Amino acid sequence: MIKVAVVGVNNIGKVHCKYYSQNPDTQLAAVCDLMEERANAAAREYQVNAYTDIRAMLEHEDIDVVCVATAGVEKGSHHFEPAMIAMAAGKDVLVEKPISNRVEEAREMVRFAREQGVRLACNLNHRFTPAAAKGKELLTRGSLGSPLFINMRLTIDNKSEASEWFHMRALHPHSIDVMRYFMGNVRRVQAFMTKAEGRSTWSTASVNMEFENGAVGHLTGSYDMSMKHPIEYCEVAGNQGRFVIDNVYESFTFYPHKSDELLVMRNPIFRGMQGFDDTFKNRIERFISQIKEGVPPEQIEASGEDALAAQEVIEAAIASQMRNGAVIDVPK
């Protein structure tokens, strides 16, 4: 049984607590939050011990995995310290996205995980769907032929004005990770952004990408759209075919160039994904199964390195916007 502690038990942390408590291979062993009342509430719900100090928790509890679900500025500024403390104690860590809103901290987290020999993973949950798995399978089989392009759209309604770059750093680790999942590393970036009426944050963005495999890509992202409509669209094309994923998991369609027959998968009403929260469940189950199987740190899916790579693309897009749409090389 893998014993898990969740650090940060507000909205997203509660989702993590639920799925760790339900997983047959995990035991939710403790919770930790700087707000004592919040920690105690989660502890009462799951019948575990509550802490306000992660060091005290690690000293007194038998824990294998620490889930860092804290938030902070741009949803990431409170991730660094608890993740580093947990890794220093030899624990595997799953951190919420973004791995950090400060790319220097993200680099240090990845470096330290490698030094410690622990598994560092990120909740890049949009890739953990049957639709994404089918797309990856077709790409690996060569069914799409040589890669040509990827179009990604991720749009939701978020009125927060927390920082100028809140939209880019808080939302697009997801979209860029999906793009990298299908097309690999990004070589160069060019971005154009706009602020919707009355906004101080760059709330809508258009990002062009060149991938190391020669493909090109485009991301449209926005915090100015209605949540009543599909939030995500992904189209991946090669010279032998293309596929489209609608709304993260709802449907998958493969269009082979030389056939009139399509491959269509739809999320079933029964036994399928019941909602977006199931992406958390799928991601957590995959991380736990890889730990159980003894998968080495460098082979963990949606790893800290993947999260850092997405963050490097985001920072390059920000640099491009600040330089009037200049083309920016992405650090390797």
C-alpha atoms as a PDB file:
ATOM      1  CA  MET A   1       0.000   0.000   0.000  1.00  0.00           C
ATOM      2  CA  ILE A   2       1.411   3.380  -1.065  1.00  0.00           C
ATOM      3  CA  LYS A   3       0.916   6.011   1.635  1.00  0.00           C
ATOM      4  CA  VAL A   4       0.168   9.512   0.364  1.00  0.00           C
ATOM      5  CA  ALA A   5       0.046  12.915   2.021  1.00  0.00           C
ATOM      6  CA  VAL A   6      -1.655  15.895   0.391  1.00  0.00           C
ATOM      7  CA  VAL A   7      -0.189  19.349   1.035  1.00  0.00           C
ATOM      8  CA  GLY A   8      -2.685  22.124   0.314  1.00  0.00           C
ATOM      9  CA  VAL A   9      -6.282  21.004   0.774  1.00  0.00           C
ATOM     10  CA  ASN A  10      -8.323  23.781  -0.761  1.00  0.00           C
ATOM     11  CA  ASN A  11     -10.380  23.126  -3.918  1.00  0.00           C
ATOM     12  CA  ILE A  12      -7.884  21.133  -6.020  1.00  0.00           C
ATOM     13  CA  GLY A  13      -6.350  19.505  -2.963  1.00  0.00           C
ATOM     14  CA  LYS A  14      -9.765  18.144  -2.023  1.00  0.00           C
ATOM     15  CA  VAL A  15     -10.000  16.478  -5.436  1.00  0.00           C
ATOM     16  CA  HIS A  16      -6.641  14.816  -4.856  1.00  0.00           C
ATOM     17  CA  CYS A  17      -7.696  13.657  -1.392  1.00  0.00           C
ATOM     18  CA  LYS A  18     -10.828  12.057  -2.828  1.00  0.00           C
ATOM     19  CA  TYR A  19      -9.005  10.030  -5.457  1.00  0.00           C
ATOM     20  CA  TYR A  20      -6.161   8.917  -3.193  1.00  0.00           C
ATOM     21  CA  SER A  21      -8.729   7.753  -0.659  1.00  0.00           C
ATOM     22  CA  GLN A  22     -10.543   5.781  -3.383  1.00  0.00           C
ATOM     23  CA  ASN A  23      -7.520   4.209  -5.091  1.00  0.00           C
ATOM     24  CA  PRO A  24      -7.091   0.552  -4.022  1.00  0.00           C
ATOM     25  CA  ASP A  25      -3.294   0.906  -4.070  1.00  0.00           C
ATOM     26  CA  THR A  26      -3.062   4.053  -1.933  1.00  0.00           C
ATOM     27  CA  GLN A  27      -3.824   5.127   1.588  1.00  0.00           C
ATOM     28  CA  LEU A  28      -4.373   8.804   2.315  1.00  0.00           C
ATOM     29  CA  ALA A  29      -2.109   9.034   5.359  1.00  0.00           C
ATOM     30  CA  ALA A  30      -2.139  12.750   6.277  1.00  0.00           C
ATOM     31  CA  VAL A  31      -3.063  16.232   5.121  1.00  0.00           C
ATOM     32  CA  CYS A  32      -1.230  19.506   5.526  1.00  0.00           C
ATOM     33  CA  ASP A  33      -2.265  23.111   5.024  1.00  0.00           C
ATOM     34  CA  LEU A  34      -1.027  26.430   6.388  1.00  0.00           C
ATOM     35  CA  MET A  35      -4.622  27.192   7.355  1.00  0.00           C
ATOM     36  CA  GLU A  36      -5.278  25.020  10.409  1.00  0.00           C
ATOM     37  CA  GLU A  37      -9.055  25.113  10.027  1.00  0.00           C
ATOM     38  CA  ARG A  38      -8.811  23.876   6.438  1.00  0.00           C
ATOM     39  CA  ALA A  39      -6.374  21.099   7.358  1.00  0.00           C
ATOM     40  CA  ASN A  40      -8.585  19.979  10.244  1.00  0.00           C
ATOM     41  CA  ALA A  41     -11.676  19.889   8.052  1.00  0.00           C
ATOM     42  CA  ALA A  42      -9.974  17.617   5.523  1.00  0.00           C
ATOM     43  CA  ALA A  43      -8.558  15.472   8.321  1.00  0.00           C
ATOM     44  CA  ARG A  44     -12.021  14.968   9.820  1.00  0.00           C
ATOM     45  CA  GLU A  45     -13.486  14.027   6.449  1.00  0.00           C
ATOM     46  CA  TYR A  46     -10.830  11.399   5.691  1.00  0.00           C
ATOM     47  CA  GLN A  47     -10.014  10.314   9.249  1.00  0.00           C
ATOM     48  CA  VAL A  48      -6.325  11.189   9.041  1.00  0.00           C
ATOM     49  CA  ASN A  49      -3.952  13.452  10.965  1.00  0.00           C
ATOM     50  CA  ALA A  50      -3.755  17.147  10.117  1.00  0.00           C
ATOM     51  CA  TYR A  51      -0.632  19.302  10.036  1.00  0.00           C
ATOM     52  CA  THR A  52       0.240  22.906   9.316  1.00  0.00           C
ATOM     53  CA  ASP A  53       3.978  22.173   8.950  1.00  0.00           C
ATOM     54  CA  ILE A  54       5.189  19.773   6.263  1.00  0.00           C
ATOM     55  CA  ARG A  55       8.415  19.043   8.128  1.00  0.00           C
ATOM     56  CA  ALA A  56       6.476  17.950  11.203  1.00  0.00           C
ATOM     57  CA  MET A  57       4.245  15.801   9.024  1.00  0.00           C
ATOM     58  CA  LEU A  58       7.193  14.053   7.398  1.00  0.00           C
ATOM     59  CA  GLU A  59       8.794  13.506  10.786  1.00  0.00           C
ATOM     60  CA  HIS A  60       5.750  11.905  12.397  1.00  0.00           C
ATOM     61  CA  GLU A  61       4.025  10.094   9.504  1.00  0.00           C
ATOM     62  CA  ASP A  62       5.012   7.082   7.412  1.00  0.00           C
ATOM     63  CA  ILE A  63       4.644   8.565   3.897  1.00  0.00           C
ATOM     64  CA  ASP A  64       5.771   7.379   0.454  1.00  0.00           C
ATOM     65  CA  VAL A  65       4.345  10.096  -1.796  1.00  0.00           C
ATOM     66  CA  VAL A  66       3.651  13.774  -1.251  1.00  0.00           C
ATOM     67  CA  CYS A  67       1.063  15.502  -3.414  1.00  0.00           C
ATOM     68  CA  VAL A  68       1.686  19.260  -3.540  1.00  0.00           C
ATOM     69  CA  ALA A  69      -1.644  20.919  -4.326  1.00  0.00           C
ATOM     70  CA  THR A  70      -0.869  24.375  -2.996  1.00  0.00           C
ATOM     71  CA  ALA A  71      -1.602  27.458  -5.103  1.00  0.00           C
ATOM     72  CA  GLY A  72      -0.083  30.931  -4.783  1.00  0.00           C
ATOM     73  CA  VAL A  73       0.614  33.606  -7.382  1.00  0.00           C
ATOM     74  CA  GLU A  74      -0.321  32.403 -10.881  1.00  0.00           C
ATOM     75  CA  LYS A  75      -1.405  29.109  -9.248  1.00  0.00           C
ATOM     76  CA  GLY A  76       2.221  28.051  -8.778  1.00  0.00           C
ATOM     77  CA  SER A  77       4.302  30.208  -6.438  1.00  0.00           C
ATOM     78  CA  HIS A  78       3.657  27.998  -3.381  1.00  0.00           C
ATOM     79  CA  HIS A  79       4.837  24.741  -4.985  1.00  0.00           C
ATOM     80  CA  PHE A  80       8.599  25.088  -4.682  1.00  0.00           C
ATOM     81  CA  GLU A  81       9.204  24.912  -0.925  1.00  0.00           C
ATOM     82  CA  PRO A  82       6.988  21.919  -0.013  1.00  0.00           C
ATOM     83  CA  ALA A  83       8.141  19.980  -3.074  1.00  0.00           C
ATOM     84  CA  MET A  84      11.790  20.577  -2.236  1.00  0.00           C
ATOM     85  CA  ILE A  85      11.262  19.612   1.418  1.00  0.00           C
ATOM     86  CA  ALA A  86       9.502  16.396   0.395  1.00  0.00           C
ATOM     87  CA  MET A  87      12.170  15.459  -2.139  1.00  0.00           C
ATOM     88  CA  ALA A  88      14.929  16.202   0.386  1.00  0.00           C
ATOM     89  CA  ALA A  89      13.205  13.637   2.613  1.00  0.00           C
ATOM     90  CA  GLY A  90      13.396  11.086  -0.219  1.00  0.00           C
ATOM     91  CA  LYS A  91       9.696  11.167  -1.106  1.00  0.00           C
ATOM     92  CA  ASP A  92       8.200  10.879  -4.567  1.00  0.00           C
ATOM     93  CA  VAL A  93       6.252  14.024  -5.422  1.00  0.00           C
ATOM     94  CA  LEU A  94       3.266  14.846  -7.605  1.00  0.00           C
ATOM     95  CA  VAL A  95       2.923  18.611  -7.939  1.00  0.00           C
ATOM     96  CA  GLU A  96       0.017  20.566  -9.336  1.00  0.00           C
ATOM     97  CA  LYS A  97       0.533  22.640 -12.451  1.00  0.00           C
ATOM     98  CA  PRO A  98       2.316  24.875 -13.117  1.00  0.00           C
ATOM     99  CA  ILE A  99       5.319  23.159 -11.577  1.00  0.00           C
ATOM    100  CA  SER A 100       6.177  26.724 -10.531  1.00  0.00           C
ATOM    101  CA  ASN A 101       5.324  30.130 -11.942  1.00  0.00           C
ATOM    102  CA  ARG A 102       9.028  30.948 -11.694  1.00  0.00           C
ATOM    103  CA  VAL A 103      10.988  29.038 -14.302  1.00  0.00           C
ATOM    104  CA  GLU A 104      14.201  29.235 -12.253  1.00  0.00           C
ATOM    105  CA  GLU A 105      12.444  27.367  -9.429  1.00  0.00           C
ATOM    106  CA  ALA A 106      11.086  24.793 -11.873  1.00  0.00           C
ATOM    107  CA  ARG A 107      14.587  24.154 -13.174  1.00  0.00           C
ATOM    108  CA  GLU A 108      15.887  23.704  -9.637  1.00  0.00           C
ATOM    109  CA  MET A 109      13.064  21.301  -8.744  1.00  0.00           C
ATOM    110  CA  VAL A 110      13.858  19.113 -11.738  1.00  0.00           C
ATOM    111  CA  ARG A 111      17.590  19.237 -11.023  1.00  0.00           C
ATOM    112  CA  PHE A 112      17.083  18.349  -7.360  1.00  0.00           C
ATOM    113  CA  ALA A 113      14.719  15.455  -8.131  1.00  0.00           C
ATOM    114  CA  ARG A 114      17.375  14.018 -10.435  1.00  0.00           C
ATOM    115  CA  GLU A 115      20.028  14.465  -7.758  1.00  0.00           C
ATOM    116  CA  GLN A 116      17.859  12.825  -5.099  1.00  0.00           C
ATOM    117  CA  GLY A 117      16.794   9.978  -7.366  1.00  0.00           C
ATOM    118  CA  VAL A 118      13.101  10.525  -6.607  1.00  0.00           C
ATOM    119  CA  ARG A 119      10.119  10.629  -8.923  1.00  0.00           C
ATOM    120  CA  LEU A 120       8.847  14.137  -9.664  1.00  0.00           C
ATOM    121  CA  ALA A 121       5.586  14.250 -11.602  1.00  0.00           C
ATOM    122  CA  CYS A 122       3.109  16.991 -12.461  1.00  0.00           C
ATOM    123  CA  ASN A 123      -0.667  16.940 -12.703  1.00  0.00           C
ATOM    124  CA  LEU A 124      -0.725  17.536 -16.444  1.00  0.00           C
ATOM    125  CA  ASN A 125      -4.037  15.735 -16.496  1.00  0.00           C
ATOM    126  CA  HIS A 126      -5.337  16.723 -19.946  1.00  0.00           C
ATOM    127  CA  ARG A 127      -3.162  14.071 -21.594  1.00  0.00           C
ATOM    128  CA  PHE A 128      -4.639  11.265 -19.461  1.00  0.00           C
ATOM    129  CA  THR A 129      -7.746  10.425 -21.462  1.00  0.00           C
ATOM    130  CA  PRO A 130      -8.673   7.520 -23.749  1.00  0.00           C
ATOM    131  CA  ALA A 131      -8.817   9.981 -26.655  1.00  0.00           C
ATOM    132  CA  ALA A 132      -5.259  11.190 -26.067  1.00  0.00           C
ATOM    133  CA  ALA A 133      -4.065   7.596 -25.668  1.00  0.00           C
ATOM    134  CA  LYS A 134      -5.596   6.652 -29.024  1.00  0.00           C
ATOM    135  CA  GLY A 135      -3.953   9.636 -30.709  1.00  0.00           C
ATOM    136  CA  LYS A 136      -0.588   8.696 -29.245  1.00  0.00           C
ATOM    137  CA  GLU A 137      -1.065   5.094 -30.386  1.00  0.00           C
ATOM    138  CA  LEU A 138      -1.747   6.165 -33.977  1.00  0.00           C
ATOM    139  CA  LEU A 139       1.264   8.484 -33.977  1.00  0.00           C
ATOM    140  CA  THR A 140       3.539   5.763 -32.605  1.00  0.00           C
ATOM    141  CA  ARG A 141       2.260   3.288 -35.214  1.00  0.00           C
ATOM    142  CA  GLY A 142       2.989   5.770 -37.970  1.00  0.00           C
ATOM    143  CA  SER A 143      -0.648   6.003 -39.060  1.00  0.00           C
ATOM    144  CA  LEU A 144      -0.378   9.775 -39.536  1.00  0.00           C
ATOM    145  CA  GLY A 145       2.843   9.566 -41.538  1.00  0.00           C
ATOM    146  CA  SER A 146       5.339  12.386 -41.259  1.00  0.00           C
ATOM    147  CA  PRO A 147       4.232  15.053 -38.753  1.00  0.00           C
ATOM    148  CA  LEU A 148       2.995  18.324 -40.252  1.00  0.00           C
ATOM    149  CA  PHE A 149       1.065  20.453 -37.765  1.00  0.00           C
ATOM    150  CA  ILE A 150      -0.885  20.636 -34.526  1.00  0.00           C
ATOM    151  CA  ASN A 151      -3.647  23.130 -33.681  1.00  0.00           C
ATOM    152  CA  MET A 152      -4.644  23.529 -30.041  1.00  0.00           C
ATOM    153  CA  ARG A 153      -7.354  25.645 -28.437  1.00  0.00           C
ATOM    154  CA  LEU A 154      -7.925  25.970 -24.697  1.00  0.00           C
ATOM    155  CA  THR A 155     -10.418  28.598 -23.569  1.00  0.00           C
ATOM    156  CA  ILE A 156     -12.268  29.102 -20.300  1.00  0.00           C
ATOM    157  CA  ASP A 157     -13.861  31.928 -18.342  1.00  0.00           C
ATOM    158  CA  ASN A 158     -11.563  33.295 -15.645  1.00  0.00           C
ATOM    159  CA  LYS A 159     -11.944  36.913 -14.602  1.00  0.00           C
ATOM    160  CA  SER A 160      -8.911  36.976 -12.288  1.00  0.00           C
ATOM    161  CA  GLU A 161      -6.583  39.928 -12.721  1.00  0.00           C
ATOM    162  CA  ALA A 162      -4.008  38.531 -10.313  1.00  0.00           C
ATOM    163  CA  SER A 163      -1.023  39.303 -12.545  1.00  0.00           C
ATOM    164  CA  GLU A 164      -0.193  40.406 -16.065  1.00  0.00           C
ATOM    165  CA  TRP A 165       0.802  36.869 -17.121  1.00  0.00           C
ATOM    166  CA  PHE A 166      -1.751  34.951 -15.051  1.00  0.00           C
ATOM    167  CA  HIS A 167      -3.508  33.488 -18.096  1.00  0.00           C
ATOM    168  CA  MET A 168      -0.325  32.133 -19.665  1.00  0.00           C
ATOM    169  CA  ARG A 169       1.298  30.682 -16.557  1.00  0.00           C
ATOM    170  CA  ALA A 170      -1.801  29.326 -14.825  1.00  0.00           C
ATOM    171  CA  LEU A 171      -3.634  27.763 -17.785  1.00  0.00           C
ATOM    172  CA  HIS A 172      -1.275  26.818 -20.566  1.00  0.00           C
ATOM    173  CA  PRO A 173       0.934  24.211 -18.940  1.00  0.00           C
ATOM    174  CA  HIS A 174      -2.021  21.995 -19.904  1.00  0.00           C
ATOM    175  CA  SER A 175      -2.304  22.942 -23.563  1.00  0.00           C
ATOM    176  CA  ILE A 176       1.427  23.036 -24.229  1.00  0.00           C
ATOM    177  CA  ASP A 177       1.896  19.680 -22.524  1.00  0.00           C
ATOM    178  CA  VAL A 178      -0.715  18.117 -24.804  1.00  0.00           C
ATOM    179  CA  MET A 179       1.036  19.638 -27.828  1.00  0.00           C
ATOM    180  CA  ARG A 180       4.400  18.284 -26.645  1.00  0.00           C
ATOM    181  CA  TYR A 181       2.826  14.893 -25.864  1.00  0.00           C
ATOM    182  CA  PHE A 182       1.925  14.528 -29.525  1.00  0.00           C
ATOM    183  CA  MET A 183       4.693  16.453 -31.297  1.00  0.00           C
ATOM    184  CA  GLY A 184       7.703  16.489 -28.970  1.00  0.00           C
ATOM    185  CA  ASN A 185       9.965  19.354 -27.996  1.00  0.00           C
ATOM    186  CA  VAL A 186       9.361  22.920 -29.153  1.00  0.00           C
ATOM    187  CA  ARG A 187      12.250  24.714 -30.841  1.00  0.00           C
ATOM    188  CA  ARG A 188      10.969  28.264 -31.423  1.00  0.00           C
ATOM    189  CA  VAL A 189       7.994  30.376 -30.351  1.00  0.00           C
ATOM    190  CA  GLN A 190       6.280  33.542 -31.542  1.00  0.00           C
ATOM    191  CA  ALA A 191       3.374  35.027 -29.601  1.00  0.00           C
ATOM    192  CA  PHE A 192       0.768  37.759 -29.939  1.00  0.00           C
ATOM    193  CA  MET A 193      -1.556  38.597 -27.058  1.00  0.00           C
ATOM    194  CA  THR A 194      -4.416  40.933 -26.325  1.00  0.00           C
ATOM    195  CA  LYS A 195      -6.290  42.217 -23.300  1.00  0.00           C
ATOM    196  CA  ALA A 196     -10.068  41.981 -23.421  1.00  0.00           C
ATOM    197  CA  GLU A 197     -12.000  45.131 -22.630  1.00  0.00           C
ATOM    198  CA  GLY A 198     -11.447  46.217 -19.054  1.00  0.00           C
ATOM    199  CA  ARG A 199      -8.704  43.686 -18.365  1.00  0.00           C
ATOM    200  CA  SER A 200      -5.162  44.264 -17.120  1.00  0.00           C
ATOM    201  CA  THR A 201      -3.919  40.728 -17.803  1.00  0.00           C
ATOM    202  CA  TRP A 202      -3.017  39.436 -21.260  1.00  0.00           C
ATOM    203  CA  SER A 203      -6.182  37.361 -21.319  1.00  0.00           C
ATOM    204  CA  THR A 204      -6.152  36.007 -24.899  1.00  0.00           C
ATOM    205  CA  ALA A 205      -3.108  34.670 -26.725  1.00  0.00           C
ATOM    206  CA  SER A 206      -2.062  33.349 -30.114  1.00  0.00           C
ATOM    207  CA  VAL A 207       1.179  31.351 -30.015  1.00  0.00           C
ATOM    208  CA  ASN A 208       3.030  29.952 -33.034  1.00  0.00           C
ATOM    209  CA  MET A 209       5.474  27.089 -32.496  1.00  0.00           C
ATOM    210  CA  GLU A 210       8.122  25.212 -34.433  1.00  0.00           C
ATOM    211  CA  PHE A 211       8.863  21.708 -33.159  1.00  0.00           C
ATOM    212  CA  GLU A 212      12.183  19.898 -33.255  1.00  0.00           C
ATOM    213  CA  ASN A 213      10.646  17.227 -35.495  1.00  0.00           C
ATOM    214  CA  GLY A 214       9.956  19.878 -38.146  1.00  0.00           C
ATOM    215  CA  ALA A 215       6.225  20.205 -37.506  1.00  0.00           C
ATOM    216  CA  VAL A 216       4.578  23.538 -36.826  1.00  0.00           C
ATOM    217  CA  GLY A 217       1.846  24.334 -34.342  1.00  0.00           C
ATOM    218  CA  HIS A 218      -0.540  26.948 -33.123  1.00  0.00           C
ATOM    219  CA  LEU A 219      -2.150  27.575 -29.748  1.00  0.00           C
ATOM    220  CA  THR A 220      -5.161  29.806 -29.202  1.00  0.00           C
ATOM    221  CA  GLY A 221      -5.786  30.425 -25.528  1.00  0.00           C
ATOM    222  CA  SER A 222      -8.223  32.657 -23.709  1.00  0.00           C
ATOM    223  CA  TYR A 223      -9.582  33.467 -20.274  1.00  0.00           C
ATOM    224  CA  ASP A 224     -12.431  35.418 -21.895  1.00  0.00           C
ATOM    225  CA  MET A 225     -14.738  32.636 -23.095  1.00  0.00           C
ATOM    226  CA  SER A 226     -17.952  31.082 -21.785  1.00  0.00           C
ATOM    227  CA  MET A 227     -17.751  27.825 -19.851  1.00  0.00           C
ATOM    228  CA  LYS A 228     -21.026  26.769 -21.484  1.00  0.00           C
ATOM    229  CA  HIS A 229     -19.162  25.623 -24.591  1.00  0.00           C
ATOM    230  CA  PRO A 230     -16.351  23.088 -25.185  1.00  0.00           C
ATOM    231  CA  ILE A 231     -13.124  24.281 -23.591  1.00  0.00           C
ATOM    232  CA  GLU A 232     -10.558  22.390 -25.632  1.00  0.00           C
ATOM    233  CA  TYR A 233      -9.914  21.321 -29.213  1.00  0.00           C
ATOM    234  CA  CYS A 234      -6.838  19.532 -30.575  1.00  0.00           C
ATOM    235  CA  GLU A 235      -6.034  18.681 -34.200  1.00  0.00           C
ATOM    236  CA  VAL A 236      -2.897  16.717 -35.128  1.00  0.00           C
ATOM    237  CA  ALA A 237      -1.915  16.140 -38.760  1.00  0.00           C
ATOM    238  CA  GLY A 238       0.659  14.251 -40.770  1.00  0.00           C
ATOM    239  CA  ASN A 239       1.039  13.541 -44.458  1.00  0.00           C
ATOM    240  CA  GLN A 240      -1.006  10.316 -44.154  1.00  0.00           C
ATOM    241  CA  GLY A 241      -3.837  11.433 -41.905  1.00  0.00           C
ATOM    242  CA  ARG A 242      -5.009  13.609 -39.057  1.00  0.00           C
ATOM    243  CA  PHE A 243      -7.030  13.262 -35.876  1.00  0.00           C
ATOM    244  CA  VAL A 244      -9.221  15.596 -33.847  1.00  0.00           C
ATOM    245  CA  ILE A 245      -9.964  15.445 -30.118  1.00  0.00           C
ATOM    246  CA  ASP A 246     -13.041  17.398 -29.043  1.00  0.00           C
ATOM    247  CA  ASN A 247     -13.348  18.808 -25.537  1.00  0.00           C
ATOM    248  CA  VAL A 248     -10.519  16.877 -23.875  1.00  0.00           C
ATOM    249  CA  TYR A 249     -12.221  13.471 -23.807  1.00  0.00           C
ATOM    250  CA  GLU A 250     -15.662  13.649 -25.422  1.00  0.00           C
ATOM    251  CA  SER A 251     -14.773  12.378 -28.891  1.00  0.00           C
ATOM    252  CA  PHE A 252     -11.876  11.326 -31.110  1.00  0.00           C
ATOM    253  CA  THR A 253     -11.924  11.162 -34.918  1.00  0.00           C
ATOM    254  CA  PHE A 254      -9.143   9.915 -37.183  1.00  0.00           C
ATOM    255  CA  TYR A 255      -9.234  10.996 -40.847  1.00  0.00           C
ATOM    256  CA  PRO A 256      -6.912   8.838 -43.006  1.00  0.00           C
ATOM    257  CA  HIS A 257      -5.991  10.733 -46.171  1.00  0.00           C
ATOM    258  CA  LYS A 258      -6.433   7.779 -48.535  1.00  0.00           C
ATOM    259  CA  SER A 259      -9.675   6.329 -47.182  1.00  0.00           C
ATOM    260  CA  ASP A 260     -13.293   7.373 -46.932  1.00  0.00           C
ATOM    261  CA  GLU A 261     -13.624   5.439 -43.673  1.00  0.00           C
ATOM    262  CA  LEU A 262     -13.124   7.293 -40.395  1.00  0.00           C
ATOM    263  CA  LEU A 263     -12.148   5.953 -37.008  1.00  0.00           C
ATOM    264  CA  VAL A 264     -14.479   7.490 -34.425  1.00  0.00           C
ATOM    265  CA  MET A 265     -14.420   7.056 -30.652  1.00  0.00           C
ATOM    266  CA  ARG A 266     -16.967   8.659 -28.380  1.00  0.00           C
ATOM    267  CA  ASN A 267     -16.999   8.780 -24.613  1.00  0.00           C
ATOM    268  CA  PRO A 268     -19.691   6.283 -23.575  1.00  0.00           C
ATOM    269  CA  ILE A 269     -22.480   7.357 -21.265  1.00  0.00           C
ATOM    270  CA  PHE A 270     -21.867   4.276 -19.148  1.00  0.00           C
ATOM    271  CA  ARG A 271     -18.391   3.147 -18.069  1.00  0.00           C
ATOM    272  CA  GLY A 272     -16.819   6.180 -19.724  1.00  0.00           C
ATOM    273  CA  MET A 273     -15.441   9.364 -18.201  1.00  0.00           C
ATOM    274  CA  GLN A 274     -18.178  10.970 -16.134  1.00  0.00           C
ATOM    275  CA  GLY A 275     -16.711  14.462 -16.169  1.00  0.00           C
ATOM    276  CA  PHE A 276     -13.546  16.519 -16.203  1.00  0.00           C
ATOM    277  CA  ASP A 277     -12.551  15.448 -12.687  1.00  0.00           C
ATOM    278  CA  ASP A 278     -11.955  11.973 -14.092  1.00  0.00           C
ATOM    279  CA  THR A 279      -8.821  13.355 -15.750  1.00  0.00           C
ATOM    280  CA  PHE A 280      -7.460  13.800 -12.193  1.00  0.00           C
ATOM    281  CA  LYS A 281      -8.420  10.223 -11.387  1.00  0.00           C
ATOM    282  CA  ASN A 282      -6.740   8.895 -14.524  1.00  0.00           C
ATOM    283  CA  ARG A 283      -3.592  10.902 -13.937  1.00  0.00           C
ATOM    284  CA  ILE A 284      -3.307   9.825 -10.286  1.00  0.00           C
ATOM    285  CA  GLU A 285      -3.943   6.185 -11.167  1.00  0.00           C
ATOM    286  CA  ARG A 286      -1.174   6.290 -13.784  1.00  0.00           C
ATOM    287  CA  PHE A 287       1.343   7.831 -11.375  1.00  0.00           C
ATOM    288  CA  ILE A 288       0.535   5.309  -8.661  1.00  0.00           C
ATOM    289  CA  SER A 289       0.687   2.380 -11.088  1.00  0.00           C
ATOM    290  CA  GLN A 290       4.117   3.514 -12.290  1.00  0.00           C
ATOM    291  CA  ILE A 291       5.378   3.754  -8.707  1.00  0.00           C
ATOM    292  CA  LYS A 292       3.944   0.309  -7.973  1.00  0.00           C
ATOM    293  CA  GLU A 293       5.680  -1.080 -11.071  1.00  0.00           C
ATOM    294  CA  GLY A 294       8.998   0.449 -10.008  1.00  0.00           C
ATOM    295  CA  VAL A 295       9.255   2.708 -13.055  1.00  0.00           C
ATOM    296  CA  PRO A 296      12.476   4.752 -12.746  1.00  0.00           C
ATOM    297  CA  PRO A 297      12.207   8.531 -12.250  1.00  0.00           C
ATOM    298  CA  GLU A 298      13.368   9.351 -15.773  1.00  0.00           C
ATOM    299  CA  GLN A 299      10.519   7.303 -17.286  1.00  0.00           C
ATOM    300  CA  ILE A 300       7.620   8.819 -15.340  1.00  0.00           C
ATOM    301  CA  GLU A 301       4.869  10.137 -17.612  1.00  0.00           C
ATOM    302  CA  ALA A 302       3.997  13.827 -17.330  1.00  0.00           C
ATOM    303  CA  SER A 303       7.168  14.239 -15.309  1.00  0.00           C
ATOM    304  CA  GLY A 304       8.692  17.292 -13.733  1.00  0.00           C
ATOM    305  CA  GLU A 305      10.863  17.546 -16.830  1.00  0.00           C
ATOM    306  CA  ASP A 306       7.746  17.621 -19.014  1.00  0.00           C
ATOM    307  CA  ALA A 307       6.254  20.328 -16.810  1.00  0.00           C
ATOM    308  CA  LEU A 308       9.480  22.339 -16.987  1.00  0.00           C
ATOM    309  CA  ALA A 309       9.569  21.993 -20.778  1.00  0.00           C
ATOM    310  CA  ALA A 310       6.023  23.388 -20.980  1.00  0.00           C
ATOM    311  CA  GLN A 311       7.015  26.245 -18.688  1.00  0.00           C
ATOM    312  CA  GLU A 312      10.009  27.081 -20.875  1.00  0.00           C
ATOM    313  CA  VAL A 313       7.640  27.438 -23.845  1.00  0.00           C
ATOM    314  CA  ILE A 314       5.366  29.718 -21.804  1.00  0.00           C
ATOM    315  CA  GLU A 315       8.276  31.927 -20.780  1.00  0.00           C
ATOM    316  CA  ALA A 316       9.433  32.087 -24.402  1.00  0.00           C
ATOM    317  CA  ALA A 317       5.907  33.153 -25.437  1.00  0.00           C
ATOM    318  CA  ILE A 318       5.933  35.868 -22.766  1.00  0.00           C
ATOM    319  CA  ALA A 319       9.342  37.040 -23.986  1.00  0.00           C
ATOM    320  CA  SER A 320       7.995  37.161 -27.547  1.00  0.00           C
ATOM    321  CA  GLN A 321       5.033  39.300 -26.510  1.00  0.00           C
ATOM    322  CA  MET A 322       7.316  41.646 -24.587  1.00  0.00           C
ATOM    323  CA  ARG A 323       9.476  41.974 -27.718  1.00  0.00           C
ATOM    324  CA  ASN A 324       6.623  42.774 -30.123  1.00  0.00           C
ATOM    325  CA  GLY A 325       6.224  39.278 -31.535  1.00  0.00           C
ATOM    326  CA  ALA A 326       9.893  38.394 -31.864  1.00  0.00           C
ATOM    327  CA  VAL A 327      10.749  34.747 -32.543  1.00  0.00           C
ATOM    328  CA  ILE A 328      12.252  33.258 -29.370  1.00  0.00           C
ATOM    329  CA  ASP A 329      14.346  30.106 -29.098  1.00  0.00           C
ATOM    330  CA  VAL A 330      13.162  27.734 -26.374  1.00  0.00           C
ATOM    331  CA  PRO A 331      15.931  26.654 -23.960  1.00  0.00           C
ATOM    332  CA  LYS A 332      16.783  22.949 -24.115  1.00  0.00           C
END
